[in-house]
Amino acid sequence: MFDNRVHFYQPRDGHGLLHDPFNSIVAPRPIGWVSSLGSTGVANLAPYSFFNAFNYVPPIIGFSSIGWKDTVANVAASREFCWNLATRTLAGAMNTSCTPAPPEVDEFDLAGLSKAPSRLIAAPRVLESPVNFECRMTQILQLEGAGGEAVETWLVLGEVVAVHIDKALITDGVYDTVAAEPIMRGGGWGDYFAIGPDDKFEMRRPPWPLI
């Protein structure tokens, strides 16, 4: 039985809406603001909206690139990258770094950002960002559809080998997520979201068996 209150579609046939709802449903998403170093020594900085954390020990993060872009090429060659927290203050600079500039263009300069040296990798950090993860690449996987056909998208995974946190974001030994003012990508053409103290609520994992 079909429910006429539900908009149903199969992605292969199109969604039938003004804008693809997929990105709006899986949202908001943290931003993978990734810096890397090209073989010629030119730094690259680009945001990726398909990004997340995937493991605790060792800590592994990853981002997905639709198309083999400069960042993926740099990471494949150098086997390292740096993730930089995109904040409300840095939103404009982050957006500028999204421009499809050629490999010889340094997006740090384009966005008016400062390079900070990393401790364990050659790729620079965004100095203005309050949190940086230095990462060593673990895998680059080309995605496949359900039928096994290759998709022109690459998932880049990296182990976090060094962490930089602005001490102003640490209170009584606890990192303050809200104080960092992270921004996240929405699903509209230019939608972003921020979080504030009123957005927070707590739930503890229940024991087993349930009481």
C-alpha atoms as a PDB file:
ATOM      1  CA  MET A   1       0.000   0.000   0.000  1.00  0.00           C
ATOM      2  CA  PHE A   2       1.280   3.453  -0.925  1.00  0.00           C
ATOM      3  CA  ASP A   3       1.065   6.394   1.464  1.00  0.00           C
ATOM      4  CA  ASN A   4       0.192   9.593  -0.402  1.00  0.00           C
ATOM      5  CA  ARG A   5       1.660  11.603   2.469  1.00  0.00           C
ATOM      6  CA  VAL A   6       5.120  10.309   1.543  1.00  0.00           C
ATOM      7  CA  HIS A   7       7.269  11.597  -1.320  1.00  0.00           C
ATOM      8  CA  PHE A   8       8.870   8.437  -2.659  1.00  0.00           C
ATOM      9  CA  TYR A   9      11.495   8.215  -5.379  1.00  0.00           C
ATOM     10  CA  GLN A  10      14.371   6.069  -6.593  1.00  0.00           C
ATOM     11  CA  PRO A  11      17.508   8.207  -6.978  1.00  0.00           C
ATOM     12  CA  ARG A  12      18.380   6.596 -10.306  1.00  0.00           C
ATOM     13  CA  ASP A  13      15.136   8.022 -11.737  1.00  0.00           C
ATOM     14  CA  GLY A  14      15.511  11.510 -10.246  1.00  0.00           C
ATOM     15  CA  HIS A  15      13.973  13.075  -7.155  1.00  0.00           C
ATOM     16  CA  GLY A  16      11.312  15.190  -8.828  1.00  0.00           C
ATOM     17  CA  LEU A  17      11.919  18.172  -6.566  1.00  0.00           C
ATOM     18  CA  LEU A  18      13.412  21.616  -7.099  1.00  0.00           C
ATOM     19  CA  HIS A  19      16.581  20.620  -5.213  1.00  0.00           C
ATOM     20  CA  ASP A  20      18.018  17.202  -4.366  1.00  0.00           C
ATOM     21  CA  PRO A  21      16.889  16.488  -0.772  1.00  0.00           C
ATOM     22  CA  PHE A  22      19.703  14.026  -0.020  1.00  0.00           C
ATOM     23  CA  ASN A  23      22.168  16.653   1.205  1.00  0.00           C
ATOM     24  CA  SER A  24      19.459  18.340   3.261  1.00  0.00           C
ATOM     25  CA  ILE A  25      18.469  15.104   4.983  1.00  0.00           C
ATOM     26  CA  VAL A  26      22.018  14.041   5.830  1.00  0.00           C
ATOM     27  CA  ALA A  27      22.750  17.409   7.411  1.00  0.00           C
ATOM     28  CA  PRO A  28      24.168  19.416   8.926  1.00  0.00           C
ATOM     29  CA  ARG A  29      27.563  17.859   8.265  1.00  0.00           C
ATOM     30  CA  PRO A  30      30.922  18.852   9.761  1.00  0.00           C
ATOM     31  CA  ILE A  31      33.286  20.437   7.276  1.00  0.00           C
ATOM     32  CA  GLY A  32      36.514  18.817   6.193  1.00  0.00           C
ATOM     33  CA  TRP A  33      38.673  21.918   5.767  1.00  0.00           C
ATOM     34  CA  VAL A  34      41.770  20.195   4.465  1.00  0.00           C
ATOM     35  CA  SER A  35      45.212  21.639   3.849  1.00  0.00           C
ATOM     36  CA  SER A  36      47.835  19.792   1.857  1.00  0.00           C
ATOM     37  CA  LEU A  37      51.104  20.416   0.043  1.00  0.00           C
ATOM     38  CA  GLY A  38      51.655  19.929  -3.680  1.00  0.00           C
ATOM     39  CA  SER A  39      54.785  18.414  -5.205  1.00  0.00           C
ATOM     40  CA  THR A  40      55.963  21.868  -6.281  1.00  0.00           C
ATOM     41  CA  GLY A  41      55.648  23.206  -2.734  1.00  0.00           C
ATOM     42  CA  VAL A  42      52.400  25.133  -3.293  1.00  0.00           C
ATOM     43  CA  ALA A  43      49.943  24.767  -0.422  1.00  0.00           C
ATOM     44  CA  ASN A  44      46.334  23.829  -1.070  1.00  0.00           C
ATOM     45  CA  LEU A  45      43.332  24.480   1.164  1.00  0.00           C
ATOM     46  CA  ALA A  46      39.818  23.245   0.390  1.00  0.00           C
ATOM     47  CA  PRO A  47      36.600  22.472   2.287  1.00  0.00           C
ATOM     48  CA  TYR A  48      34.764  19.163   1.863  1.00  0.00           C
ATOM     49  CA  SER A  49      31.183  18.763   3.066  1.00  0.00           C
ATOM     50  CA  PHE A  50      31.369  14.964   3.066  1.00  0.00           C
ATOM     51  CA  PHE A  51      33.570  14.587   6.142  1.00  0.00           C
ATOM     52  CA  ASN A  52      33.504  12.837   9.500  1.00  0.00           C
ATOM     53  CA  ALA A  53      35.352  10.867  12.192  1.00  0.00           C
ATOM     54  CA  PHE A  54      35.405   7.092  11.830  1.00  0.00           C
ATOM     55  CA  ASN A  55      37.464   5.585  14.642  1.00  0.00           C
ATOM     56  CA  TYR A  56      38.693   6.278  18.187  1.00  0.00           C
ATOM     57  CA  VAL A  57      41.940   4.280  18.535  1.00  0.00           C
ATOM     58  CA  PRO A  58      43.733   5.135  16.416  1.00  0.00           C
ATOM     59  CA  PRO A  59      41.747   8.278  15.642  1.00  0.00           C
ATOM     60  CA  ILE A  60      40.797   8.182  11.954  1.00  0.00           C
ATOM     61  CA  ILE A  61      39.002  10.885  10.003  1.00  0.00           C
ATOM     62  CA  GLY A  62      38.013  10.997   6.371  1.00  0.00           C
ATOM     63  CA  PHE A  63      36.633  13.152   3.602  1.00  0.00           C
ATOM     64  CA  SER A  64      35.104  12.338   0.260  1.00  0.00           C
ATOM     65  CA  SER A  65      36.021  14.180  -2.931  1.00  0.00           C
ATOM     66  CA  ILE A  66      33.679  14.141  -5.907  1.00  0.00           C
ATOM     67  CA  GLY A  67      36.308  14.064  -8.627  1.00  0.00           C
ATOM     68  CA  TRP A  68      40.080  13.603  -8.387  1.00  0.00           C
ATOM     69  CA  LYS A  69      40.837  17.128  -7.195  1.00  0.00           C
ATOM     70  CA  ASP A  70      44.097  18.828  -6.179  1.00  0.00           C
ATOM     71  CA  THR A  71      43.698  17.835  -2.532  1.00  0.00           C
ATOM     72  CA  VAL A  72      43.332  14.136  -3.351  1.00  0.00           C
ATOM     73  CA  ALA A  73      46.293  14.252  -5.724  1.00  0.00           C
ATOM     74  CA  ASN A  74      48.421  15.966  -3.064  1.00  0.00           C
ATOM     75  CA  VAL A  75      47.439  13.475  -0.371  1.00  0.00           C
ATOM     76  CA  ALA A  76      48.042  10.500  -2.673  1.00  0.00           C
ATOM     77  CA  ALA A  77      51.556  11.786  -3.396  1.00  0.00           C
ATOM     78  CA  SER A  78      52.555  12.999   0.077  1.00  0.00           C
ATOM     79  CA  ARG A  79      50.464  10.579   2.177  1.00  0.00           C
ATOM     80  CA  GLU A  80      49.533  13.356   4.614  1.00  0.00           C
ATOM     81  CA  PHE A  81      47.086  16.202   5.162  1.00  0.00           C
ATOM     82  CA  CYS A  82      45.868  18.545   7.887  1.00  0.00           C
ATOM     83  CA  TRP A  83      42.276  19.116   8.987  1.00  0.00           C
ATOM     84  CA  ASN A  84      41.381  22.583  10.253  1.00  0.00           C
ATOM     85  CA  LEU A  85      38.233  23.428  12.217  1.00  0.00           C
ATOM     86  CA  ALA A  86      35.965  25.791  10.271  1.00  0.00           C
ATOM     87  CA  THR A  87      34.358  28.265  12.670  1.00  0.00           C
ATOM     88  CA  ARG A  88      31.753  31.007  12.386  1.00  0.00           C
ATOM     89  CA  THR A  89      34.518  33.630  12.396  1.00  0.00           C
ATOM     90  CA  LEU A  90      36.340  31.841   9.580  1.00  0.00           C
ATOM     91  CA  ALA A  91      33.246  31.086   7.488  1.00  0.00           C
ATOM     92  CA  GLY A  92      34.037  33.696   4.837  1.00  0.00           C
ATOM     93  CA  ALA A  93      37.628  32.555   4.453  1.00  0.00           C
ATOM     94  CA  MET A  94      36.523  28.929   4.302  1.00  0.00           C
ATOM     95  CA  ASN A  95      34.070  29.783   1.548  1.00  0.00           C
ATOM     96  CA  THR A  96      36.746  31.651  -0.417  1.00  0.00           C
ATOM     97  CA  SER A  97      39.029  28.618  -0.239  1.00  0.00           C
ATOM     98  CA  CYS A  98      36.296  26.638  -2.000  1.00  0.00           C
ATOM     99  CA  THR A  99      36.926  28.397  -5.310  1.00  0.00           C
ATOM    100  CA  PRO A 100      38.059  25.974  -8.073  1.00  0.00           C
ATOM    101  CA  ALA A 101      41.490  27.545  -8.427  1.00  0.00           C
ATOM    102  CA  PRO A 102      44.255  25.823 -10.455  1.00  0.00           C
ATOM    103  CA  PRO A 103      47.011  23.847  -8.634  1.00  0.00           C
ATOM    104  CA  GLU A 104      49.512  26.712  -8.803  1.00  0.00           C
ATOM    105  CA  VAL A 105      47.244  28.969  -6.719  1.00  0.00           C
ATOM    106  CA  ASP A 106      47.693  28.982  -2.951  1.00  0.00           C
ATOM    107  CA  GLU A 107      44.245  29.196  -1.314  1.00  0.00           C
ATOM    108  CA  PHE A 108      45.813  30.372   1.952  1.00  0.00           C
ATOM    109  CA  ASP A 109      46.838  33.563   0.178  1.00  0.00           C
ATOM    110  CA  LEU A 110      43.541  33.748  -1.690  1.00  0.00           C
ATOM    111  CA  ALA A 111      41.553  33.609   1.567  1.00  0.00           C
ATOM    112  CA  GLY A 112      43.907  35.871   3.530  1.00  0.00           C
ATOM    113  CA  LEU A 113      44.910  33.103   5.938  1.00  0.00           C
ATOM    114  CA  SER A 114      48.237  32.410   7.633  1.00  0.00           C
ATOM    115  CA  LYS A 115      50.185  29.182   7.360  1.00  0.00           C
ATOM    116  CA  ALA A 116      51.409  27.617  10.592  1.00  0.00           C
ATOM    117  CA  PRO A 117      54.006  24.835  10.562  1.00  0.00           C
ATOM    118  CA  SER A 118      52.866  21.393  11.589  1.00  0.00           C
ATOM    119  CA  ARG A 119      54.904  19.312  14.033  1.00  0.00           C
ATOM    120  CA  LEU A 120      54.915  15.900  12.334  1.00  0.00           C
ATOM    121  CA  ILE A 121      53.910  16.529   8.719  1.00  0.00           C
ATOM    122  CA  ALA A 122      54.959  18.953   5.992  1.00  0.00           C
ATOM    123  CA  ALA A 123      51.465  20.232   5.163  1.00  0.00           C
ATOM    124  CA  PRO A 124      50.774  23.576   6.854  1.00  0.00           C
ATOM    125  CA  ARG A 125      47.978  24.311   9.329  1.00  0.00           C
ATOM    126  CA  VAL A 126      45.550  27.227   9.246  1.00  0.00           C
ATOM    127  CA  LEU A 127      46.945  29.447  12.000  1.00  0.00           C
ATOM    128  CA  GLU A 128      43.621  31.205  12.552  1.00  0.00           C
ATOM    129  CA  SER A 129      41.768  27.930  13.114  1.00  0.00           C
ATOM    130  CA  PRO A 130      41.508  26.969  16.829  1.00  0.00           C
ATOM    131  CA  VAL A 131      41.842  23.228  16.182  1.00  0.00           C
ATOM    132  CA  ASN A 132      44.072  21.334  13.750  1.00  0.00           C
ATOM    133  CA  PHE A 133      44.561  17.612  13.159  1.00  0.00           C
ATOM    134  CA  GLU A 134      47.806  16.526  11.533  1.00  0.00           C
ATOM    135  CA  CYS A 135      47.020  13.351   9.611  1.00  0.00           C
ATOM    136  CA  ARG A 136      48.876  10.607   7.800  1.00  0.00           C
ATOM    137  CA  MET A 137      46.935   8.971   5.015  1.00  0.00           C
ATOM    138  CA  THR A 138      45.808   5.403   5.626  1.00  0.00           C
ATOM    139  CA  GLN A 139      43.639   4.696   2.589  1.00  0.00           C
ATOM    140  CA  ILE A 140      42.226   6.231  -0.572  1.00  0.00           C
ATOM    141  CA  LEU A 141      39.204   4.304  -1.796  1.00  0.00           C
ATOM    142  CA  GLN A 142      37.319   4.864  -5.013  1.00  0.00           C
ATOM    143  CA  LEU A 143      33.637   4.468  -4.237  1.00  0.00           C
ATOM    144  CA  GLU A 144      31.430   1.938  -6.012  1.00  0.00           C
ATOM    145  CA  GLY A 145      27.711   1.685  -6.630  1.00  0.00           C
ATOM    146  CA  ALA A 146      25.593  -1.265  -5.511  1.00  0.00           C
ATOM    147  CA  GLY A 147      26.302  -3.004  -8.821  1.00  0.00           C
ATOM    148  CA  GLY A 148      30.064  -2.692  -8.393  1.00  0.00           C
ATOM    149  CA  GLU A 149      30.449   0.113 -10.920  1.00  0.00           C
ATOM    150  CA  ALA A 150      33.150   2.672 -10.123  1.00  0.00           C
ATOM    151  CA  VAL A 151      31.986   6.125  -9.020  1.00  0.00           C
ATOM    152  CA  GLU A 152      34.083   9.220  -9.746  1.00  0.00           C
ATOM    153  CA  THR A 153      34.408   9.891  -6.021  1.00  0.00           C
ATOM    154  CA  TRP A 154      37.291   9.119  -3.694  1.00  0.00           C
ATOM    155  CA  LEU A 155      37.176   8.575   0.073  1.00  0.00           C
ATOM    156  CA  VAL A 156      40.388   9.719   1.756  1.00  0.00           C
ATOM    157  CA  LEU A 157      41.084   8.339   5.226  1.00  0.00           C
ATOM    158  CA  GLY A 158      43.844   9.462   7.553  1.00  0.00           C
ATOM    159  CA  GLU A 159      45.114   8.721  11.038  1.00  0.00           C
ATOM    160  CA  VAL A 160      45.314  11.744  13.315  1.00  0.00           C
ATOM    161  CA  VAL A 161      48.920  11.758  14.551  1.00  0.00           C
ATOM    162  CA  ALA A 162      48.993  15.214  16.208  1.00  0.00           C
ATOM    163  CA  VAL A 163      46.348  17.575  17.587  1.00  0.00           C
ATOM    164  CA  HIS A 164      46.496  21.341  18.183  1.00  0.00           C
ATOM    165  CA  ILE A 165      43.775  22.927  20.359  1.00  0.00           C
ATOM    166  CA  ASP A 166      43.513  26.553  21.441  1.00  0.00           C
ATOM    167  CA  LYS A 167      43.672  26.390  25.257  1.00  0.00           C
ATOM    168  CA  ALA A 168      40.815  28.913  25.451  1.00  0.00           C
ATOM    169  CA  LEU A 169      38.518  26.075  24.328  1.00  0.00           C
ATOM    170  CA  ILE A 170      39.475  23.788  27.226  1.00  0.00           C
ATOM    171  CA  THR A 171      37.610  24.253  30.515  1.00  0.00           C
ATOM    172  CA  ASP A 172      38.449  22.035  33.511  1.00  0.00           C
ATOM    173  CA  GLY A 173      40.058  19.516  31.187  1.00  0.00           C
ATOM    174  CA  VAL A 174      37.043  19.336  28.844  1.00  0.00           C
ATOM    175  CA  TYR A 175      36.946  20.632  25.271  1.00  0.00           C
ATOM    176  CA  ASP A 176      34.085  23.117  24.851  1.00  0.00           C
ATOM    177  CA  THR A 177      32.415  22.324  21.531  1.00  0.00           C
ATOM    178  CA  VAL A 178      30.041  25.292  21.663  1.00  0.00           C
ATOM    179  CA  ALA A 179      32.760  27.826  22.472  1.00  0.00           C
ATOM    180  CA  ALA A 180      34.609  26.814  19.307  1.00  0.00           C
ATOM    181  CA  GLU A 181      31.601  27.920  17.212  1.00  0.00           C
ATOM    182  CA  PRO A 182      31.973  25.189  14.582  1.00  0.00           C
ATOM    183  CA  ILE A 183      29.953  25.580  11.406  1.00  0.00           C
ATOM    184  CA  MET A 184      28.394  22.748   9.438  1.00  0.00           C
ATOM    185  CA  ARG A 185      27.186  22.330   5.893  1.00  0.00           C
ATOM    186  CA  GLY A 186      23.489  22.166   5.154  1.00  0.00           C
ATOM    187  CA  GLY A 187      21.800  20.829   2.061  1.00  0.00           C
ATOM    188  CA  GLY A 188      20.670  23.969   0.253  1.00  0.00           C
ATOM    189  CA  TRP A 189      22.718  25.791  -2.357  1.00  0.00           C
ATOM    190  CA  GLY A 190      24.445  27.859   0.312  1.00  0.00           C
ATOM    191  CA  ASP A 191      23.103  26.618   3.638  1.00  0.00           C
ATOM    192  CA  TYR A 192      25.310  26.430   6.728  1.00  0.00           C
ATOM    193  CA  PHE A 193      24.473  25.891  10.386  1.00  0.00           C
ATOM    194  CA  ALA A 194      26.072  26.894  13.684  1.00  0.00           C
ATOM    195  CA  ILE A 195      25.470  25.575  17.193  1.00  0.00           C
ATOM    196  CA  GLY A 196      24.901  27.433  20.443  1.00  0.00           C
ATOM    197  CA  PRO A 197      24.398  26.604  24.143  1.00  0.00           C
ATOM    198  CA  ASP A 198      20.641  26.212  23.681  1.00  0.00           C
ATOM    199  CA  ASP A 199      21.172  23.443  21.132  1.00  0.00           C
ATOM    200  CA  LYS A 200      22.830  21.135  23.615  1.00  0.00           C
ATOM    201  CA  PHE A 201      21.108  18.269  25.431  1.00  0.00           C
ATOM    202  CA  GLU A 202      22.502  15.186  27.156  1.00  0.00           C
ATOM    203  CA  MET A 203      21.663  11.496  27.007  1.00  0.00           C
ATOM    204  CA  ARG A 204      23.710   8.706  28.554  1.00  0.00           C
ATOM    205  CA  ARG A 205      23.971   5.285  26.962  1.00  0.00           C
ATOM    206  CA  PRO A 206      21.554   2.927  28.752  1.00  0.00           C
ATOM    207  CA  PRO A 207      22.864  -0.193  30.525  1.00  0.00           C
ATOM    208  CA  TRP A 208      21.997  -3.739  29.496  1.00  0.00           C
ATOM    209  CA  PRO A 209      19.643  -5.244  30.338  1.00  0.00           C
ATOM    210  CA  LEU A 210      17.368  -2.237  30.220  1.00  0.00           C
ATOM    211  CA  ILE A 211      15.816  -1.381  33.559  1.00  0.00           C
END
